[in-house]
Amino acid sequence: MAKTTGYGRLAQFLKLTDKMISEASKDAIAEAARILALQVGHYQRKYGAASFEESIALLETETLNDDEAGWVADGLEHLATALATVKDDEHPPTVQ
């Protein structure tokens, strides 16, 4: 199987997370945010503070290189995992 580029992964996870967010309840999104906050807290305790300046700069840039696109895709993969982990009684998943 060919390795997907950072840009390819970014496009896939943008599409997936946009769909997941649009189908999730506000409570489910809040719970996913708590899961991600827990992950950041765990990372910081184990490895030191994460640089928010780099993350903000990446969000504000108009272009991404393939490595940066991969970094954003990694984050969106964590978001997709958090959203998939949350039980959403208000909006149960649909089978398509």
PDB file of N, CA and C in Angstrom:
ATOM      1  N   MET A   1       0.847  -1.174   0.000  1.00  0.00           N
ATOM      2  CA  MET A   1       0.000   0.000   0.000  1.00  0.00           C
ATOM      3  C   MET A   1       0.894   1.240   0.000  1.00  0.00           C
ATOM      4  N   ALA A   2       0.616   2.185  -0.857  1.00  0.00           N
ATOM      5  CA  ALA A   2       1.408   3.402  -0.955  1.00  0.00           C
ATOM      6  C   ALA A   2       1.160   4.281   0.269  1.00  0.00           C
ATOM      7  N   LYS A   3       2.226   4.935   0.693  1.00  0.00           N
ATOM      8  CA  LYS A   3       2.117   5.829   1.841  1.00  0.00           C
ATOM      9  C   LYS A   3       1.409   7.113   1.416  1.00  0.00           C
ATOM     10  N   THR A   4       0.420   7.535   2.167  1.00  0.00           N
ATOM     11  CA  THR A   4      -0.306   8.759   1.876  1.00  0.00           C
ATOM     12  C   THR A   4       0.526   9.946   2.329  1.00  0.00           C
ATOM     13  N   THR A   5       0.570  10.990   1.524  1.00  0.00           N
ATOM     14  CA  THR A   5       1.327  12.194   1.874  1.00  0.00           C
ATOM     15  C   THR A   5       0.634  12.930   3.017  1.00  0.00           C
ATOM     16  N   GLY A   6       1.354  13.867   3.592  1.00  0.00           N
ATOM     17  CA  GLY A   6       0.758  14.712   4.630  1.00  0.00           C
ATOM     18  C   GLY A   6      -0.461  15.438   4.101  1.00  0.00           C
ATOM     19  N   TYR A   7      -0.356  15.935   2.853  1.00  0.00           N
ATOM     20  CA  TYR A   7      -1.499  16.619   2.244  1.00  0.00           C
ATOM     21  C   TYR A   7      -2.688  15.681   2.065  1.00  0.00           C
ATOM     22  N   GLY A   8      -2.424  14.454   1.633  1.00  0.00           N
ATOM     23  CA  GLY A   8      -3.499  13.482   1.438  1.00  0.00           C
ATOM     24  C   GLY A   8      -4.180  13.125   2.747  1.00  0.00           C
ATOM     25  N   ARG A   9      -3.372  12.883   3.779  1.00  0.00           N
ATOM     26  CA  ARG A   9      -3.936  12.578   5.098  1.00  0.00           C
ATOM     27  C   ARG A   9      -4.734  13.763   5.621  1.00  0.00           C
ATOM     28  N   LEU A  10      -4.211  14.974   5.424  1.00  0.00           N
ATOM     29  CA  LEU A  10      -4.909  16.170   5.885  1.00  0.00           C
ATOM     30  C   LEU A  10      -6.271  16.274   5.218  1.00  0.00           C
ATOM     31  N   ALA A  11      -6.324  16.079   3.914  1.00  0.00           N
ATOM     32  CA  ALA A  11      -7.595  16.153   3.200  1.00  0.00           C
ATOM     33  C   ALA A  11      -8.582  15.105   3.716  1.00  0.00           C
ATOM     34  N   GLN A  12      -8.097  13.886   3.937  1.00  0.00           N
ATOM     35  CA  GLN A  12      -8.965  12.812   4.432  1.00  0.00           C
ATOM     36  C   GLN A  12      -9.505  13.128   5.820  1.00  0.00           C
ATOM     37  N   PHE A  13      -8.619  13.589   6.725  1.00  0.00           N
ATOM     38  CA  PHE A  13      -9.075  13.848   8.088  1.00  0.00           C
ATOM     39  C   PHE A  13      -9.912  15.119   8.190  1.00  0.00           C
ATOM     40  N   LEU A  14      -9.668  16.111   7.327  1.00  0.00           N
ATOM     41  CA  LEU A  14     -10.543  17.284   7.306  1.00  0.00           C
ATOM     42  C   LEU A  14     -11.963  16.869   6.941  1.00  0.00           C
ATOM     43  N   LYS A  15     -12.084  16.056   5.910  1.00  0.00           N
ATOM     44  CA  LYS A  15     -13.403  15.596   5.467  1.00  0.00           C
ATOM     45  C   LYS A  15     -14.084  14.767   6.564  1.00  0.00           C
ATOM     46  N   LEU A  16     -13.332  13.833   7.143  1.00  0.00           N
ATOM     47  CA  LEU A  16     -13.888  12.963   8.176  1.00  0.00           C
ATOM     48  C   LEU A  16     -14.314  13.751   9.416  1.00  0.00           C
ATOM     49  N   THR A  17     -13.436  14.612   9.928  1.00  0.00           N
ATOM     50  CA  THR A  17     -13.763  15.341  11.164  1.00  0.00           C
ATOM     51  C   THR A  17     -14.875  16.359  10.932  1.00  0.00           C
ATOM     52  N   ASP A  18     -14.918  16.985   9.759  1.00  0.00           N
ATOM     53  CA  ASP A  18     -16.035  17.894   9.465  1.00  0.00           C
ATOM     54  C   ASP A  18     -17.361  17.142   9.529  1.00  0.00           C
ATOM     55  N   LYS A  19     -17.399  15.945   8.957  1.00  0.00           N
ATOM     56  CA  LYS A  19     -18.620  15.124   8.982  1.00  0.00           C
ATOM     57  C   LYS A  19     -18.959  14.718  10.420  1.00  0.00           C
ATOM     58  N   MET A  20     -17.949  14.280  11.162  1.00  0.00           N
ATOM     59  CA  MET A  20     -18.183  13.835  12.539  1.00  0.00           C
ATOM     60  C   MET A  20     -18.696  14.979  13.404  1.00  0.00           C
ATOM     61  N   ILE A  21     -18.112  16.167  13.246  1.00  0.00           N
ATOM     62  CA  ILE A  21     -18.523  17.324  14.037  1.00  0.00           C
ATOM     63  C   ILE A  21     -19.953  17.728  13.674  1.00  0.00           C
ATOM     64  N   SER A  22     -20.268  17.726  12.379  1.00  0.00           N
ATOM     65  CA  SER A  22     -21.615  18.140  11.972  1.00  0.00           C
ATOM     66  C   SER A  22     -22.685  17.184  12.478  1.00  0.00           C
ATOM     67  N   GLU A  23     -22.320  15.934  12.708  1.00  0.00           N
ATOM     68  CA  GLU A  23     -23.287  14.936  13.174  1.00  0.00           C
ATOM     69  C   GLU A  23     -23.303  14.776  14.697  1.00  0.00           C
ATOM     70  N   ALA A  24     -22.365  15.407  15.399  1.00  0.00           N
ATOM     71  CA  ALA A  24     -22.255  15.234  16.853  1.00  0.00           C
ATOM     72  C   ALA A  24     -23.071  16.286  17.596  1.00  0.00           C
ATOM     73  N   SER A  25     -23.526  15.916  18.773  1.00  0.00           N
ATOM     74  CA  SER A  25     -24.207  16.876  19.640  1.00  0.00           C
ATOM     75  C   SER A  25     -23.166  17.772  20.308  1.00  0.00           C
ATOM     76  N   LYS A  26     -23.637  18.883  20.837  1.00  0.00           N
ATOM     77  CA  LYS A  26     -22.750  19.803  21.555  1.00  0.00           C
ATOM     78  C   LYS A  26     -22.096  19.087  22.738  1.00  0.00           C
ATOM     79  N   ASP A  27     -22.839  18.248  23.425  1.00  0.00           N
ATOM     80  CA  ASP A  27     -22.296  17.514  24.571  1.00  0.00           C
ATOM     81  C   ASP A  27     -21.187  16.548  24.139  1.00  0.00           C
ATOM     82  N   ALA A  28     -21.368  15.897  22.994  1.00  0.00           N
ATOM     83  CA  ALA A  28     -20.352  14.973  22.494  1.00  0.00           C
ATOM     84  C   ALA A  28     -19.082  15.722  22.114  1.00  0.00           C
ATOM     85  N   ILE A  29     -19.241  16.876  21.488  1.00  0.00           N
ATOM     86  CA  ILE A  29     -18.066  17.686  21.121  1.00  0.00           C
ATOM     87  C   ILE A  29     -17.345  18.163  22.376  1.00  0.00           C
ATOM     88  N   ALA A  30     -18.100  18.549  23.405  1.00  0.00           N
ATOM     89  CA  ALA A  30     -17.492  18.974  24.663  1.00  0.00           C
ATOM     90  C   ALA A  30     -16.717  17.824  25.307  1.00  0.00           C
ATOM     91  N   GLU A  31     -17.285  16.632  25.266  1.00  0.00           N
ATOM     92  CA  GLU A  31     -16.605  15.468  25.842  1.00  0.00           C
ATOM     93  C   GLU A  31     -15.330  15.142  25.052  1.00  0.00           C
ATOM     94  N   ALA A  32     -15.391  15.252  23.730  1.00  0.00           N
ATOM     95  CA  ALA A  32     -14.193  15.031  22.909  1.00  0.00           C
ATOM     96  C   ALA A  32     -13.127  16.066  23.235  1.00  0.00           C
ATOM     97  N   ALA A  33     -13.535  17.318  23.464  1.00  0.00           N
ATOM     98  CA  ALA A  33     -12.580  18.366  23.847  1.00  0.00           C
ATOM     99  C   ALA A  33     -11.922  18.032  25.186  1.00  0.00           C
ATOM    100  N   ARG A  34     -12.691  17.473  26.106  1.00  0.00           N
ATOM    101  CA  ARG A  34     -12.118  17.071  27.404  1.00  0.00           C
ATOM    102  C   ARG A  34     -11.103  15.940  27.221  1.00  0.00           C
ATOM    103  N   ILE A  35     -11.397  15.014  26.336  1.00  0.00           N
ATOM    104  CA  ILE A  35     -10.457  13.921  26.059  1.00  0.00           C
ATOM    105  C   ILE A  35      -9.162  14.489  25.496  1.00  0.00           C
ATOM    106  N   LEU A  36      -9.270  15.423  24.547  1.00  0.00           N
ATOM    107  CA  LEU A  36      -8.078  16.033  23.970  1.00  0.00           C
ATOM    108  C   LEU A  36      -7.305  16.846  25.011  1.00  0.00           C
ATOM    109  N   ALA A  37      -8.021  17.548  25.896  1.00  0.00           N
ATOM    110  CA  ALA A  37      -7.356  18.296  26.967  1.00  0.00           C
ATOM    111  C   ALA A  37      -6.595  17.350  27.889  1.00  0.00           C
ATOM    112  N   LEU A  38      -7.182  16.207  28.173  1.00  0.00           N
ATOM    113  CA  LEU A  38      -6.513  15.193  28.982  1.00  0.00           C
ATOM    114  C   LEU A  38      -5.232  14.723  28.307  1.00  0.00           C
ATOM    115  N   GLN A  39      -5.297  14.504  26.986  1.00  0.00           N
ATOM    116  CA  GLN A  39      -4.111  14.074  26.247  1.00  0.00           C
ATOM    117  C   GLN A  39      -3.014  15.133  26.291  1.00  0.00           C
ATOM    118  N   VAL A  40      -3.382  16.394  26.130  1.00  0.00           N
ATOM    119  CA  VAL A  40      -2.388  17.476  26.182  1.00  0.00           C
ATOM    120  C   VAL A  40      -1.790  17.564  27.579  1.00  0.00           C
ATOM    121  N   GLY A  41      -2.632  17.472  28.607  1.00  0.00           N
ATOM    122  CA  GLY A  41      -2.133  17.506  29.984  1.00  0.00           C
ATOM    123  C   GLY A  41      -1.175  16.371  30.264  1.00  0.00           C
ATOM    124  N   HIS A  42      -1.515  15.177  29.804  1.00  0.00           N
ATOM    125  CA  HIS A  42      -0.642  14.016  29.984  1.00  0.00           C
ATOM    126  C   HIS A  42       0.688  14.231  29.268  1.00  0.00           C
ATOM    127  N   TYR A  43       0.633  14.714  28.037  1.00  0.00           N
ATOM    128  CA  TYR A  43       1.849  14.973  27.263  1.00  0.00           C
ATOM    129  C   TYR A  43       2.741  15.976  27.986  1.00  0.00           C
ATOM    130  N   GLN A  44       2.133  17.071  28.472  1.00  0.00           N
ATOM    131  CA  GLN A  44       2.920  18.114  29.148  1.00  0.00           C
ATOM    132  C   GLN A  44       3.565  17.605  30.431  1.00  0.00           C
ATOM    133  N   ARG A  45       2.855  16.793  31.192  1.00  0.00           N
ATOM    134  CA  ARG A  45       3.430  16.240  32.416  1.00  0.00           C
ATOM    135  C   ARG A  45       4.599  15.308  32.105  1.00  0.00           C
ATOM    136  N   LYS A  46       4.480  14.584  30.994  1.00  0.00           N
ATOM    137  CA  LYS A  46       5.489  13.600  30.650  1.00  0.00           C
ATOM    138  C   LYS A  46       6.683  14.199  29.902  1.00  0.00           C
ATOM    139  N   TYR A  47       6.421  15.149  28.978  1.00  0.00           N
ATOM    140  CA  TYR A  47       7.472  15.650  28.094  1.00  0.00           C
ATOM    141  C   TYR A  47       7.758  17.144  28.207  1.00  0.00           C
ATOM    142  N   GLY A  48       6.965  17.882  28.966  1.00  0.00           N
ATOM    143  CA  GLY A  48       7.135  19.334  29.045  1.00  0.00           C
ATOM    144  C   GLY A  48       6.053  20.036  28.235  1.00  0.00           C
ATOM    145  N   ALA A  49       5.970  21.320  28.442  1.00  0.00           N
ATOM    146  CA  ALA A  49       4.909  22.115  27.818  1.00  0.00           C
ATOM    147  C   ALA A  49       4.990  22.076  26.299  1.00  0.00           C
ATOM    148  N   ALA A  50       3.837  21.928  25.688  1.00  0.00           N
ATOM    149  CA  ALA A  50       3.731  21.982  24.229  1.00  0.00           C
ATOM    150  C   ALA A  50       3.722  23.449  23.809  1.00  0.00           C
ATOM    151  N   SER A  51       4.288  23.752  22.670  1.00  0.00           N
ATOM    152  CA  SER A  51       4.371  25.129  22.183  1.00  0.00           C
ATOM    153  C   SER A  51       3.085  25.527  21.470  1.00  0.00           C
ATOM    154  N   PHE A  52       2.295  26.375  22.121  1.00  0.00           N
ATOM    155  CA  PHE A  52       1.082  26.863  21.483  1.00  0.00           C
ATOM    156  C   PHE A  52       1.417  27.880  20.393  1.00  0.00           C
ATOM    157  N   GLU A  53       2.544  28.567  20.546  1.00  0.00           N
ATOM    158  CA  GLU A  53       2.938  29.551  19.537  1.00  0.00           C
ATOM    159  C   GLU A  53       3.112  28.879  18.172  1.00  0.00           C
ATOM    160  N   GLU A  54       3.762  27.714  18.144  1.00  0.00           N
ATOM    161  CA  GLU A  54       3.949  26.995  16.882  1.00  0.00           C
ATOM    162  C   GLU A  54       2.604  26.561  16.305  1.00  0.00           C
ATOM    163  N   SER A  55       1.716  26.092  17.172  1.00  0.00           N
ATOM    164  CA  SER A  55       0.402  25.646  16.699  1.00  0.00           C
ATOM    165  C   SER A  55      -0.398  26.809  16.128  1.00  0.00           C
ATOM    166  N   ILE A  56      -0.392  27.939  16.814  1.00  0.00           N
ATOM    167  CA  ILE A  56      -1.126  29.121  16.345  1.00  0.00           C
ATOM    168  C   ILE A  56      -0.536  29.613  15.030  1.00  0.00           C
ATOM    169  N   ALA A  57       0.788  29.643  14.944  1.00  0.00           N
ATOM    170  CA  ALA A  57       1.442  30.070  13.697  1.00  0.00           C
ATOM    171  C   ALA A  57       1.044  29.152  12.550  1.00  0.00           C
ATOM    172  N   LEU A  58       0.943  27.867  12.818  1.00  0.00           N
ATOM    173  CA  LEU A  58       0.553  26.907  11.785  1.00  0.00           C
ATOM    174  C   LEU A  58      -0.891  27.142  11.339  1.00  0.00           C
ATOM    175  N   LEU A  59      -1.764  27.460  12.280  1.00  0.00           N
ATOM    176  CA  LEU A  59      -3.163  27.736  11.934  1.00  0.00           C
ATOM    177  C   LEU A  59      -3.311  29.026  11.125  1.00  0.00           C
ATOM    178  N   GLU A  60      -2.417  29.979  11.353  1.00  0.00           N
ATOM    179  CA  GLU A  60      -2.527  31.277  10.696  1.00  0.00           C
ATOM    180  C   GLU A  60      -1.806  31.346   9.352  1.00  0.00           C
ATOM    181  N   THR A  61      -1.001  30.341   9.031  1.00  0.00           N
ATOM    182  CA  THR A  61      -0.269  30.360   7.774  1.00  0.00           C
ATOM    183  C   THR A  61      -1.196  30.101   6.590  1.00  0.00           C
ATOM    184  N   GLU A  62      -0.843  30.658   5.457  1.00  0.00           N
ATOM    185  CA  GLU A  62      -1.658  30.457   4.258  1.00  0.00           C
ATOM    186  C   GLU A  62      -1.204  29.253   3.453  1.00  0.00           C
ATOM    187  N   THR A  63      -0.012  28.744   3.723  1.00  0.00           N
ATOM    188  CA  THR A  63       0.497  27.573   3.013  1.00  0.00           C
ATOM    189  C   THR A  63       1.126  26.614   4.010  1.00  0.00           C
ATOM    190  N   LEU A  64       1.034  25.340   3.711  1.00  0.00           N
ATOM    191  CA  LEU A  64       1.650  24.304   4.538  1.00  0.00           C
ATOM    192  C   LEU A  64       2.565  23.465   3.658  1.00  0.00           C
ATOM    193  N   ASN A  65       3.731  23.102   4.203  1.00  0.00           N
ATOM    194  CA  ASN A  65       4.532  22.120   3.476  1.00  0.00           C
ATOM    195  C   ASN A  65       3.993  20.737   3.846  1.00  0.00           C
ATOM    196  N   ASP A  66       4.499  19.705   3.205  1.00  0.00           N
ATOM    197  CA  ASP A  66       3.955  18.363   3.414  1.00  0.00           C
ATOM    198  C   ASP A  66       4.125  17.910   4.862  1.00  0.00           C
ATOM    199  N   ASP A  67       5.238  18.271   5.492  1.00  0.00           N
ATOM    200  CA  ASP A  67       5.476  17.884   6.879  1.00  0.00           C
ATOM    201  C   ASP A  67       4.480  18.574   7.813  1.00  0.00           C
ATOM    202  N   GLU A  68       4.240  19.862   7.587  1.00  0.00           N
ATOM    203  CA  GLU A  68       3.266  20.597   8.397  1.00  0.00           C
ATOM    204  C   GLU A  68       1.854  20.056   8.184  1.00  0.00           C
ATOM    205  N   ALA A  69       1.525  19.727   6.948  1.00  0.00           N
ATOM    206  CA  ALA A  69       0.210  19.131   6.660  1.00  0.00           C
ATOM    207  C   ALA A  69       0.060  17.814   7.417  1.00  0.00           C
ATOM    208  N   GLY A  70       1.145  17.043   7.492  1.00  0.00           N
ATOM    209  CA  GLY A  70       1.117  15.794   8.249  1.00  0.00           C
ATOM    210  C   GLY A  70       0.901  16.043   9.734  1.00  0.00           C
ATOM    211  N   TRP A  71       1.505  17.108  10.263  1.00  0.00           N
ATOM    212  CA  TRP A  71       1.341  17.462  11.676  1.00  0.00           C
ATOM    213  C   TRP A  71      -0.126  17.802  11.960  1.00  0.00           C
ATOM    214  N   VAL A  72      -0.732  18.605  11.093  1.00  0.00           N
ATOM    215  CA  VAL A  72      -2.146  18.949  11.276  1.00  0.00           C
ATOM    216  C   VAL A  72      -3.011  17.694  11.138  1.00  0.00           C
ATOM    217  N   ALA A  73      -2.676  16.842  10.176  1.00  0.00           N
ATOM    218  CA  ALA A  73      -3.422  15.587   9.996  1.00  0.00           C
ATOM    219  C   ALA A  73      -3.328  14.714  11.243  1.00  0.00           C
ATOM    220  N   ASP A  74      -2.153  14.669  11.874  1.00  0.00           N
ATOM    221  CA  ASP A  74      -2.002  13.905  13.118  1.00  0.00           C
ATOM    222  C   ASP A  74      -2.971  14.417  14.185  1.00  0.00           C
ATOM    223  N   GLY A  75      -3.070  15.737  14.308  1.00  0.00           N
ATOM    224  CA  GLY A  75      -3.991  16.321  15.279  1.00  0.00           C
ATOM    225  C   GLY A  75      -5.438  16.001  14.965  1.00  0.00           C
ATOM    226  N   LEU A  76      -5.793  16.075  13.685  1.00  0.00           N
ATOM    227  CA  LEU A  76      -7.166  15.752  13.294  1.00  0.00           C
ATOM    228  C   LEU A  76      -7.476  14.278  13.498  1.00  0.00           C
ATOM    229  N   GLU A  77      -6.451  13.439  13.367  1.00  0.00           N
ATOM    230  CA  GLU A  77      -6.655  12.017  13.654  1.00  0.00           C
ATOM    231  C   GLU A  77      -6.998  11.829  15.132  1.00  0.00           C
ATOM    232  N   HIS A  78      -6.329  12.579  16.007  1.00  0.00           N
ATOM    233  CA  HIS A  78      -6.665  12.513  17.438  1.00  0.00           C
ATOM    234  C   HIS A  78      -8.086  13.018  17.679  1.00  0.00           C
ATOM    235  N   LEU A  79      -8.477  14.079  16.975  1.00  0.00           N
ATOM    236  CA  LEU A  79      -9.841  14.588  17.103  1.00  0.00           C
ATOM    237  C   LEU A  79     -10.853  13.541  16.666  1.00  0.00           C
ATOM    238  N   ALA A  80     -10.598  12.892  15.528  1.00  0.00           N
ATOM    239  CA  ALA A  80     -11.514  11.852  15.037  1.00  0.00           C
ATOM    240  C   ALA A  80     -11.615  10.713  16.045  1.00  0.00           C
ATOM    241  N   THR A  81     -10.486  10.326  16.628  1.00  0.00           N
ATOM    242  CA  THR A  81     -10.494   9.253  17.621  1.00  0.00           C
ATOM    243  C   THR A  81     -11.294   9.663  18.849  1.00  0.00           C
ATOM    244  N   ALA A  82     -11.099  10.900  19.315  1.00  0.00           N
ATOM    245  CA  ALA A  82     -11.842  11.388  20.484  1.00  0.00           C
ATOM    246  C   ALA A  82     -13.336  11.409  20.198  1.00  0.00           C
ATOM    247  N   LEU A  83     -13.715  11.912  19.034  1.00  0.00           N
ATOM    248  CA  LEU A  83     -15.139  11.959  18.684  1.00  0.00           C
ATOM    249  C   LEU A  83     -15.737  10.561  18.554  1.00  0.00           C
ATOM    250  N   ALA A  84     -14.964   9.631  18.003  1.00  0.00           N
ATOM    251  CA  ALA A  84     -15.451   8.260  17.848  1.00  0.00           C
ATOM    252  C   ALA A  84     -15.575   7.553  19.191  1.00  0.00           C
ATOM    253  N   THR A  85     -14.800   7.980  20.163  1.00  0.00           N
ATOM    254  CA  THR A  85     -14.793   7.367  21.487  1.00  0.00           C
ATOM    255  C   THR A  85     -16.012   7.769  22.315  1.00  0.00           C
ATOM    256  N   VAL A  86     -16.504   8.967  22.077  1.00  0.00           N
ATOM    257  CA  VAL A  86     -17.603   9.522  22.871  1.00  0.00           C
ATOM    258  C   VAL A  86     -18.923   8.869  22.481  1.00  0.00           C
ATOM    259  N   LYS A  87     -19.672   8.447  23.487  1.00  0.00           N
ATOM    260  CA  LYS A  87     -21.022   7.926  23.251  1.00  0.00           C
ATOM    261  C   LYS A  87     -21.952   9.126  23.146  1.00  0.00           C
ATOM    262  N   ASP A  88     -22.627   9.244  22.019  1.00  0.00           N
ATOM    263  CA  ASP A  88     -23.506  10.376  21.766  1.00  0.00           C
ATOM    264  C   ASP A  88     -24.947   9.898  21.705  1.00  0.00           C
ATOM    265  N   ASP A  89     -25.634   9.958  22.842  1.00  0.00           N
ATOM    266  CA  ASP A  89     -27.025   9.500  22.911  1.00  0.00           C
ATOM    267  C   ASP A  89     -27.958  10.382  22.082  1.00  0.00           C
ATOM    268  N   GLU A  90     -27.594  11.662  21.952  1.00  0.00           N
ATOM    269  CA  GLU A  90     -28.441  12.597  21.235  1.00  0.00           C
ATOM    270  C   GLU A  90     -28.375  12.370  19.717  1.00  0.00           C
ATOM    271  N   HIS A  91     -27.201  12.014  19.225  1.00  0.00           N
ATOM    272  CA  HIS A  91     -27.002  11.778  17.787  1.00  0.00           C
ATOM    273  C   HIS A  91     -26.248  10.467  17.588  1.00  0.00           C
ATOM    274  N   PRO A  92     -26.909   9.331  17.663  1.00  0.00           N
ATOM    275  CA  PRO A  92     -26.212   8.058  17.445  1.00  0.00           C
ATOM    276  C   PRO A  92     -25.685   7.980  16.028  1.00  0.00           C
ATOM    277  N   PRO A  93     -24.566   7.242  15.830  1.00  0.00           N
ATOM    278  CA  PRO A  93     -23.987   7.143  14.487  1.00  0.00           C
ATOM    279  C   PRO A  93     -24.968   6.513  13.490  1.00  0.00           C
ATOM    280  N   THR A  94     -24.859   6.953  12.249  1.00  0.00           N
ATOM    281  CA  THR A  94     -25.697   6.379  11.197  1.00  0.00           C
ATOM    282  C   THR A  94     -24.857   5.460  10.334  1.00  0.00           C
ATOM    283  N   VAL A  95     -25.493   4.456   9.804  1.00  0.00           N
ATOM    284  CA  VAL A  95     -24.805   3.508   8.917  1.00  0.00           C
ATOM    285  C   VAL A  95     -25.114   3.938   7.486  1.00  0.00           C
ATOM    286  N   GLN A  96     -24.058   4.107   6.683  1.00  0.00           N
ATOM    287  CA  GLN A  96     -24.266   4.512   5.290  1.00  0.00           C
ATOM    288  C   GLN A  96     -23.674   3.510   4.359  1.00  0.00           C
TER     289      GLN A  96
END
